[in-house]
Amino acid sequence: MALRTTIWNGYPARSPLVGAHRGASAVAPENTLEAFEAAIAAGADFIETDLRLSRDGIPVAFHDADLKRLCSDPRKVAELDMDELRSLRPGLVAMTDAIDMIGGRASILLDTKLHEQAALERCIAALESRTADGRIAFGVRSLDAFDVVHSHLPQCPTLGLFSNIGDYPALALRGGIWARLWEADASADNLANLRRLGLKTVIMTGDPMDGTVGLIKADALAELCFNGPDAVMVNDPSLAVEVIGQATQPV
């Protein structure tokens, strides 16, 4: 079966693409339908959301392993059923509902936080019927996770979200098509090296160590885009749409 042409494997009109990190999380609670709707309204090309699994086997949009930061509860997402999770986090959304709500209005990047093969396979089975049109991409954090996704969904775009950029040559050999770099690593040399591997690049703005993930100012974003990444991820997609639009206007 031929791979459908999507933003993940085609040549989009806008470059770089704009990704909304956990939805438009600068203006709405992260990973909620409200944040996803705001991202679509802002003109995001894709919505990045985090994929975890509840105890009763339901894929959910939630970033942290536990509920301490958002709900002041130390228990883990995987230890609670969906009803319990929603009682603690009323805005929590099942991933199938999020995908259906977004529909064809934006593409989706699922940041798979699952490391255990069995849990990842349960998520894949639950979401497989919604991946046929190619707009949903899986983001994986290890080569082992890539192998699991690729073995079950060989036609599904898969992105590497690796902390070690030295793993990207192996990803390219396996058929991966995108590589995530943090803003601090998004040098012209690193981008060129990934291009030589045949990988497209998505830059995650901000810094995971100081809590600024997804945050960036307009001038810094314009400078970042100058090196030619294929996509950027930000908390405020409206800012990115504006900055990129200004950069591509004829002089």
Protein backbone atom coordinates (compact mmCIF):
# COMPACT_ATOMS: atom_id res chain seq x y z
CA MET A 1 0.00 0.00 0.00
CA ALA A 2 1.41 3.38 -1.02
CA LEU A 3 2.07 5.90 1.74
CA ARG A 4 -0.36 8.81 1.59
CA THR A 5 1.18 12.22 1.05
CA THR A 6 0.77 14.26 4.24
CA ILE A 7 2.63 17.06 5.99
CA TRP A 8 4.92 14.40 7.42
CA ASN A 9 6.24 13.09 4.11
CA GLY A 10 5.29 15.72 1.53
CA TYR A 11 6.34 19.22 0.66
CA PRO A 12 4.06 21.61 2.55
CA ALA A 13 3.49 25.16 1.40
CA ARG A 14 4.65 26.57 4.72
CA SER A 15 8.13 25.99 6.02
CA PRO A 16 8.76 25.49 8.79
CA LEU A 17 5.56 23.81 9.86
CA VAL A 18 4.00 25.07 13.09
CA GLY A 19 3.37 22.55 15.84
CA ALA A 20 1.27 23.36 18.90
CA HIS A 21 3.00 21.88 21.96
CA ARG A 22 0.35 20.13 24.07
CA GLY A 23 -2.09 22.14 22.00
CA ALA A 24 -2.08 25.92 22.34
CA SER A 25 -0.92 25.48 25.92
CA ALA A 26 -0.02 29.17 26.26
CA VAL A 27 -3.70 30.09 26.26
CA ALA A 28 -5.53 26.95 27.45
CA PRO A 29 -4.87 24.02 29.83
CA GLU A 30 -2.38 21.64 28.23
CA ASN A 31 -3.54 18.51 26.43
CA THR A 32 -7.23 19.41 26.59
CA LEU A 33 -9.86 19.79 23.91
CA GLU A 34 -9.81 23.51 24.64
CA ALA A 35 -6.07 23.67 23.90
CA PHE A 36 -6.47 21.63 20.71
CA GLU A 37 -9.31 23.84 19.48
CA ALA A 38 -7.27 26.97 20.21
CA ALA A 39 -4.34 25.51 18.24
CA ILE A 40 -6.54 24.88 15.23
CA ALA A 41 -7.94 28.41 15.45
CA ALA A 42 -4.39 29.78 15.56
CA GLY A 43 -3.51 27.99 12.32
CA ALA A 44 -1.21 25.26 13.64
CA ASP A 45 -0.21 22.65 11.08
CA PHE A 46 -0.06 19.92 13.70
CA ILE A 47 -0.92 19.39 17.33
CA GLU A 48 1.57 17.63 19.57
CA THR A 49 0.01 15.75 22.46
CA ASP A 50 1.30 13.21 24.95
CA LEU A 51 0.21 9.59 24.93
CA ARG A 52 -0.18 7.55 28.12
CA LEU A 53 -2.33 4.59 29.13
CA SER A 54 -4.78 4.41 32.03
CA ARG A 55 -4.98 1.34 34.23
CA ASP A 56 -8.10 0.16 32.38
CA GLY A 57 -6.31 0.36 29.03
CA ILE A 58 -7.54 3.68 27.65
CA PRO A 59 -5.01 5.87 25.78
CA VAL A 60 -5.13 9.37 27.25
CA ALA A 61 -3.64 12.77 26.47
CA PHE A 62 -1.43 13.46 29.48
CA HIS A 63 2.19 14.50 29.80
CA ASP A 64 3.47 13.55 33.24
CA ALA A 65 3.84 10.03 34.55
CA ASP A 66 1.97 11.08 37.71
CA LEU A 67 -0.64 13.66 38.70
CA LYS A 68 1.45 15.60 41.20
CA ARG A 69 2.09 18.73 39.11
CA LEU A 70 -1.40 19.16 37.70
CA CYS A 71 -3.60 17.61 40.41
CA SER A 72 -1.46 17.57 43.58
CA ASP A 73 -1.82 13.78 43.65
CA PRO A 74 1.34 11.63 43.63
CA ARG A 75 -0.28 8.58 42.02
CA LYS A 76 0.71 7.55 38.52
CA VAL A 77 -1.57 7.74 35.49
CA ALA A 78 -1.04 4.02 34.90
CA GLU A 79 -2.32 3.25 38.42
CA LEU A 80 -5.74 4.84 37.89
CA ASP A 81 -8.78 4.01 35.79
CA MET A 82 -10.20 6.57 33.37
CA ASP A 83 -13.06 7.55 35.69
CA GLU A 84 -10.63 8.14 38.54
CA LEU A 85 -8.36 10.22 36.33
CA ARG A 86 -11.26 12.38 35.16
CA SER A 87 -12.43 12.95 38.72
CA LEU A 88 -8.99 14.40 39.46
CA ARG A 89 -8.49 16.11 36.09
CA PRO A 90 -11.91 16.95 34.61
CA GLY A 91 -10.33 18.12 31.35
CA LEU A 92 -8.58 14.82 30.74
CA VAL A 93 -9.42 13.49 27.30
CA ALA A 94 -9.27 10.02 25.80
CA MET A 95 -6.96 10.04 22.80
CA THR A 96 -9.63 8.64 20.49
CA ASP A 97 -11.90 11.56 21.41
CA ALA A 98 -9.08 14.04 20.80
CA ILE A 99 -8.33 12.57 17.38
CA ASP A 100 -12.00 12.57 16.40
CA MET A 101 -12.47 16.17 17.55
CA ILE A 102 -9.44 17.42 15.63
CA GLY A 103 -10.58 15.53 12.56
CA GLY A 104 -8.96 16.69 9.34
CA ARG A 105 -8.40 20.22 10.59
CA ALA A 106 -4.82 19.57 11.72
CA SER A 107 -2.32 16.74 11.79
CA ILE A 108 -1.33 15.12 15.08
CA LEU A 109 1.96 14.12 16.68
CA LEU A 110 1.59 11.59 19.48
CA ASP A 111 4.48 11.85 21.91
CA THR A 112 4.47 8.28 23.18
CA LYS A 113 5.56 8.29 26.81
CA LEU A 114 5.26 4.50 27.00
CA HIS A 115 8.39 2.40 27.30
CA GLU A 116 6.93 -1.05 28.00
CA GLN A 117 6.17 -2.97 24.83
CA ALA A 118 2.86 -4.36 26.08
CA ALA A 119 1.50 -0.91 26.99
CA LEU A 120 2.63 0.57 23.69
CA GLU A 121 1.01 -2.28 21.77
CA ARG A 122 -2.28 -1.72 23.64
CA CYS A 123 -2.24 1.93 22.58
CA ILE A 124 -1.45 1.03 18.99
CA ALA A 125 -4.32 -1.46 18.89
CA ALA A 126 -6.74 1.14 20.28
CA LEU A 127 -5.68 3.84 17.80
CA GLU A 128 -4.83 1.79 14.70
CA SER A 129 -8.14 2.37 12.91
CA ARG A 130 -7.57 6.14 13.10
CA THR A 131 -4.08 6.12 11.53
CA ALA A 132 -4.98 5.12 7.97
CA ASP A 133 -5.00 8.61 6.45
CA GLY A 134 -1.41 9.37 7.48
CA ARG A 135 -2.10 12.56 9.40
CA ILE A 136 -1.24 10.94 12.73
CA ALA A 137 2.45 10.46 13.47
CA PHE A 138 3.95 8.60 16.39
CA GLY A 139 6.83 10.22 18.23
CA VAL A 140 9.07 7.65 19.92
CA ARG A 141 11.82 8.06 22.49
CA SER A 142 13.92 5.00 21.70
CA LEU A 143 14.87 2.76 18.81
CA ASP A 144 13.09 -0.12 20.56
CA ALA A 145 9.85 1.88 20.64
CA PHE A 146 10.30 2.72 16.96
CA ASP A 147 10.62 -0.98 16.16
CA VAL A 148 7.36 -1.73 18.00
CA VAL A 149 5.40 1.01 16.23
CA HIS A 150 6.91 0.26 12.83
CA SER A 151 6.21 -3.46 13.10
CA HIS A 152 2.51 -2.85 13.79
CA LEU A 153 2.00 0.32 11.72
CA PRO A 154 4.59 0.26 8.93
CA GLN A 155 2.74 2.96 6.95
CA CYS A 156 2.47 5.32 9.92
CA PRO A 157 4.90 8.28 9.99
CA THR A 158 7.23 7.89 12.97
CA LEU A 159 9.39 10.62 14.50
CA GLY A 160 12.40 10.22 16.75
CA LEU A 161 12.20 12.22 19.97
CA PHE A 162 15.62 11.10 21.16
CA SER A 163 17.70 12.74 23.86
CA ASN A 164 20.87 11.42 22.23
CA ILE A 165 21.23 12.80 18.70
CA GLY A 166 23.77 10.05 18.05
CA ASP A 167 20.85 7.62 17.73
CA TYR A 168 19.46 9.33 14.63
CA PRO A 169 21.63 7.54 12.04
CA ALA A 170 20.13 4.25 13.25
CA LEU A 171 16.65 5.76 13.05
CA ALA A 172 17.25 6.76 9.43
CA LEU A 173 18.40 3.23 8.59
CA ARG A 174 15.21 1.84 10.15
CA GLY A 175 12.99 4.06 8.00
CA GLY A 176 12.33 6.93 10.40
CA ILE A 177 11.68 10.21 8.64
CA TRP A 178 11.90 12.94 11.30
CA ALA A 179 14.26 13.88 14.11
CA ARG A 180 13.51 16.16 17.06
CA LEU A 181 16.18 18.55 18.28
CA TRP A 182 15.98 20.78 21.31
CA GLU A 183 16.44 24.47 20.62
CA ALA A 184 19.92 24.47 22.18
CA ASP A 185 21.01 21.71 19.76
CA ALA A 186 19.48 23.27 16.64
CA SER A 187 22.71 24.50 15.12
CA ALA A 188 23.17 24.82 11.38
CA ASP A 189 25.68 21.95 11.49
CA ASN A 190 23.34 19.60 13.35
CA LEU A 191 20.49 20.39 10.99
CA ALA A 192 22.72 19.80 7.96
CA ASN A 193 23.94 16.48 9.35
CA LEU A 194 20.37 15.26 9.85
CA ARG A 195 19.43 16.33 6.33
CA ARG A 196 22.34 14.29 4.98
CA LEU A 197 20.79 11.29 6.72
CA GLY A 198 17.53 11.98 4.90
CA LEU A 199 15.77 13.12 8.07
CA LYS A 200 13.51 16.11 8.42
CA THR A 201 13.86 18.15 11.59
CA VAL A 202 11.43 19.47 14.16
CA ILE A 203 12.77 21.88 16.77
CA MET A 204 11.34 21.83 20.29
CA THR A 205 11.68 25.36 21.59
CA GLY A 206 12.70 26.15 25.13
CA ASP A 207 14.77 24.08 27.53
CA PRO A 208 13.66 20.99 29.48
CA MET A 209 16.01 21.77 32.35
CA ASP A 210 14.71 25.20 33.29
CA GLY A 211 10.99 24.73 32.69
CA THR A 212 10.78 26.81 29.52
CA VAL A 213 9.67 23.98 27.23
CA GLY A 214 7.63 25.42 24.38
CA LEU A 215 8.38 29.04 25.28
CA ILE A 216 10.21 31.40 22.93
CA LYS A 217 10.18 35.08 21.98
CA ALA A 218 9.52 36.31 18.46
CA ASP A 219 13.08 37.43 17.71
CA ALA A 220 14.57 34.16 18.96
CA LEU A 221 12.06 32.16 16.92
CA ALA A 222 12.89 34.13 13.78
CA GLU A 223 16.58 33.41 14.31
CA LEU A 224 15.87 29.73 14.91
CA CYS A 225 13.87 29.48 11.69
CA PHE A 226 16.72 31.05 9.72
CA ASN A 227 18.66 27.75 9.89
CA GLY A 228 15.85 26.02 7.98
CA PRO A 229 14.19 23.46 10.26
CA ASP A 230 11.22 21.68 8.76
CA ALA A 231 9.03 22.34 11.80
CA VAL A 232 9.00 24.10 15.15
CA MET A 233 6.97 23.31 18.26
CA VAL A 234 5.78 26.11 20.51
CA ASN A 235 3.20 26.72 23.22
CA ASP A 236 1.84 29.72 21.31
CA PRO A 237 1.22 28.65 17.70
CA SER A 238 -0.27 32.04 16.82
CA LEU A 239 3.14 33.61 17.50
CA ALA A 240 4.88 31.09 15.23
CA VAL A 241 2.34 31.57 12.45
CA GLU A 242 2.93 35.32 12.64
CA VAL A 243 6.74 35.10 12.74
CA ILE A 244 6.94 32.61 9.86
CA GLY A 245 4.43 34.59 7.84
CA GLN A 246 6.52 37.74 8.20
CA ALA A 247 9.69 35.89 7.20
CA THR A 248 8.14 34.58 3.99
CA GLN A 249 6.58 37.86 2.83
CA PRO A 250 8.19 39.31 -0.29
CA VAL A 251 10.39 42.34 0.31
